[in-house]
Protein backbone atom coordinates (compact mmCIF):
# COMPACT_ATOMS: atom_id res chain seq x y z
CA UNK A 1 15.23 127.78 -36.74
CA UNK A 2 15.89 125.60 -39.73
CA UNK A 3 19.67 126.10 -39.50
CA UNK A 4 19.55 125.30 -35.72
CA UNK A 5 17.70 122.06 -36.42
CA UNK A 6 20.16 121.13 -39.14
CA UNK A 7 23.10 121.66 -36.73
CA UNK A 8 21.47 119.52 -34.08
CA UNK A 9 20.67 116.78 -36.59
CA UNK A 10 24.19 116.75 -37.97
CA UNK A 11 25.72 116.81 -34.48
CA UNK A 12 23.51 113.88 -33.51
CA UNK A 13 24.40 111.87 -36.52
CA UNK A 14 28.19 112.47 -35.97
CA UNK A 15 27.79 111.51 -32.33
CA UNK A 16 26.06 108.31 -33.32
CA UNK A 17 28.79 107.50 -35.82
CA UNK A 18 31.52 108.01 -33.26
CA UNK A 19 29.59 106.14 -30.54
CA UNK A 20 29.11 103.00 -32.64
CA UNK A 21 32.30 103.25 -34.73
CA UNK A 22 33.84 100.12 -33.22
CA UNK A 23 30.73 98.03 -33.75
CA UNK A 24 30.35 99.24 -37.38
CA UNK A 25 34.04 98.62 -38.04
CA UNK A 26 33.74 95.03 -36.89
CA UNK A 27 30.90 94.31 -39.30
CA UNK A 28 32.55 95.92 -42.35
CA UNK A 29 35.14 93.81 -44.19
CA UNK A 30 38.62 95.38 -44.51
CA UNK A 31 38.40 95.51 -48.35
CA UNK A 32 35.14 97.40 -48.08
CA UNK A 33 36.55 99.82 -45.51
CA UNK A 34 39.55 100.44 -47.75
CA UNK A 35 37.26 101.18 -50.68
CA UNK A 36 35.17 103.57 -48.70
CA UNK A 37 38.27 105.39 -47.51
CA UNK A 38 39.51 105.74 -51.07
CA UNK A 39 36.27 107.21 -52.26
CA UNK A 40 36.06 109.66 -49.35
CA UNK A 41 39.67 110.67 -49.98
CA UNK A 42 38.85 111.29 -53.62
CA UNK A 43 35.84 113.45 -52.82
CA UNK A 44 37.93 115.47 -50.31
CA UNK A 45 40.62 116.00 -52.99
CA UNK A 46 37.97 117.22 -55.39
CA UNK A 47 36.62 119.66 -52.83
CA UNK A 48 40.14 120.92 -52.12
CA UNK A 49 40.84 121.42 -55.86
CA UNK A 50 37.53 123.23 -56.30
CA UNK A 51 38.33 125.64 -53.40
CA UNK A 52 41.81 126.29 -54.74
CA UNK A 53 40.43 126.83 -58.27
CA UNK A 54 37.83 129.36 -56.97
CA UNK A 55 40.53 131.19 -55.01
CA UNK A 56 42.89 131.32 -58.02
CA UNK A 57 40.08 132.44 -60.33
CA UNK A 58 39.08 135.24 -57.96
CA UNK A 59 42.75 136.31 -57.62
CA UNK A 60 43.25 136.39 -61.41
CA UNK A 61 40.03 138.42 -61.90
CA UNK A 62 41.09 140.99 -59.30
CA UNK A 63 44.49 141.40 -60.94
CA UNK A 64 42.96 142.50 -64.29
């Protein structure tokens, strides 16, 4: 039940973000939007590196 509620809440928040994206974009200065994009890009890069690291570590352990 908890997972289902979390999925519904997350879906609702994503829908709200997409529904009001143009209004939000108009109120945020371009420099701030650029900064937010850079931070989000960095976080996604970190997540990708962590996934790759975990995969390589598992591969190396299985080779021994």
